[in-house]
């Protein structure tokens, strides 16, 4: 039996990588979560609709995250099963990303959207 694994990095490694290479970032949280606050220049591809947007993912390496890490691992598994292997999961998700110096948009209360 053959196994595959998801490559994951810490937010500190993510911050270093973004400072050096600025790879595409895909946020798999719900649209309302994304609109409330997200990594600057990130693409929103909600987990619920990931199969509808397979063509949106680039052929080169990219990062994927959610709020805390659970949904992005599910998304990564789906993408890998569809032949997309060039992804790197960000451990801790957006909650951890916010604790770094990575640029995020200004917070907008979801009830005002």
Protein backbone atom coordinates (compact mmCIF):
# COMPACT_ATOMS: atom_id res chain seq x y z
CA UNK A 1 0.00 0.00 0.00
CA UNK A 2 1.32 3.43 -0.94
CA UNK A 3 1.00 6.43 1.37
CA UNK A 4 1.29 10.12 0.70
CA UNK A 5 1.89 12.88 3.21
CA UNK A 6 1.14 16.57 3.43
CA UNK A 7 4.11 18.87 3.80
CA UNK A 8 3.53 21.28 6.68
CA UNK A 9 5.59 24.16 8.04
CA UNK A 10 5.40 26.31 11.14
CA UNK A 11 4.23 29.91 10.92
CA UNK A 12 7.80 31.06 11.58
CA UNK A 13 8.97 29.06 8.54
CA UNK A 14 6.01 30.45 6.56
CA UNK A 15 7.01 33.99 7.49
CA UNK A 16 10.61 33.35 6.40
CA UNK A 17 9.48 31.75 3.11
CA UNK A 18 7.11 34.62 2.34
CA UNK A 19 9.85 37.15 2.97
CA UNK A 20 12.17 35.31 0.59
CA UNK A 21 9.95 33.91 -2.18
CA UNK A 22 6.42 35.34 -1.75
CA UNK A 23 4.60 32.22 -2.97
CA UNK A 24 0.83 32.22 -3.57
CA UNK A 25 -1.35 31.73 -0.48
CA UNK A 26 -4.72 29.96 -0.57
CA UNK A 27 -7.11 30.43 2.35
CA UNK A 28 -9.70 27.64 2.60
CA UNK A 29 -11.83 29.29 5.29
CA UNK A 30 -15.41 30.31 4.56
CA UNK A 31 -15.86 33.49 2.53
CA UNK A 32 -17.21 35.40 5.55
CA UNK A 33 -14.09 34.51 7.56
CA UNK A 34 -11.86 35.56 4.68
CA UNK A 35 -13.67 38.86 4.14
CA UNK A 36 -13.39 39.65 7.83
CA UNK A 37 -9.58 39.37 7.80
CA UNK A 38 -6.99 37.59 5.68
CA UNK A 39 -3.37 37.50 4.54
CA UNK A 40 -2.77 40.31 2.06
CA UNK A 41 -2.91 38.99 -1.54
CA UNK A 42 -4.27 35.58 -0.43
CA UNK A 43 -6.82 33.76 -2.60
CA UNK A 44 -10.02 32.52 -0.97
CA UNK A 45 -11.02 29.02 -2.02
CA UNK A 46 -13.42 27.71 0.65
CA UNK A 47 -13.07 24.04 1.51
CA UNK A 48 -16.76 23.48 0.69
CA UNK A 49 -16.12 24.47 -2.94
CA UNK A 50 -12.55 23.27 -3.44
CA UNK A 51 -13.47 20.70 -6.10
CA UNK A 52 -15.12 23.45 -8.15
CA UNK A 53 -11.89 25.47 -8.22
CA UNK A 54 -9.16 22.94 -8.95
CA UNK A 55 -8.03 24.95 -11.97
CA UNK A 56 -7.38 27.93 -9.67
CA UNK A 57 -4.40 26.26 -8.03
CA UNK A 58 -1.05 27.04 -9.65
CA UNK A 59 1.40 24.55 -11.08
CA UNK A 60 4.16 25.88 -8.84
CA UNK A 61 4.45 25.62 -5.06
CA UNK A 62 1.84 27.38 -2.95
CA UNK A 63 0.74 27.64 0.68
CA UNK A 64 -2.62 26.59 2.07
CA UNK A 65 -4.17 27.48 5.42
CA UNK A 66 -7.47 27.76 7.28
CA UNK A 67 -8.23 29.18 10.73
CA UNK A 68 -6.44 26.59 12.86
CA UNK A 69 -5.20 23.76 10.65
CA UNK A 70 -8.03 21.23 10.46
CA UNK A 71 -9.75 22.36 7.25
CA UNK A 72 -6.48 22.98 5.43
CA UNK A 73 -5.40 19.38 6.08
CA UNK A 74 -8.69 18.16 4.63
CA UNK A 75 -8.24 20.51 1.66
CA UNK A 76 -4.66 19.29 1.19
CA UNK A 77 -5.85 15.67 1.17
CA UNK A 78 -8.51 16.48 -1.43
CA UNK A 79 -6.04 18.38 -3.62
CA UNK A 80 -3.47 15.57 -3.42
CA UNK A 81 -6.14 13.02 -4.36
CA UNK A 82 -6.85 15.20 -7.43
CA UNK A 83 -3.19 15.24 -8.46
CA UNK A 84 -2.16 18.58 -6.94
CA UNK A 85 0.93 17.86 -4.84
CA UNK A 86 2.81 21.17 -4.84
CA UNK A 87 1.20 22.54 -1.68
CA UNK A 88 2.54 23.36 1.75
CA UNK A 89 0.21 23.49 4.73
CA UNK A 90 0.73 26.26 7.31
CA UNK A 91 0.44 24.76 10.81
CA UNK A 92 -1.82 26.70 13.16
CA UNK A 93 -3.55 28.47 10.29
CA UNK A 94 -4.66 32.09 10.30
CA UNK A 95 -4.86 32.22 14.09
CA UNK A 96 -1.10 31.58 14.22
CA UNK A 97 -0.34 33.75 11.17
CA UNK A 98 -1.87 36.78 12.91
CA UNK A 99 0.79 36.44 15.62
CA UNK A 100 3.58 37.06 13.08
CA UNK A 101 4.64 40.10 11.06
CA UNK A 102 2.95 38.77 7.91
CA UNK A 103 0.71 41.47 6.44
CA UNK A 104 -3.00 40.89 7.01
CA UNK A 105 -5.96 43.06 6.08
CA UNK A 106 -7.66 45.28 8.63
CA UNK A 107 -10.26 43.43 10.67
CA UNK A 108 -13.89 43.97 9.64
CA UNK A 109 -16.59 42.73 12.00
CA UNK A 110 -18.45 39.93 10.17
CA UNK A 111 -21.82 41.35 11.23
CA UNK A 112 -21.10 44.48 9.16
CA UNK A 113 -20.39 42.59 5.95
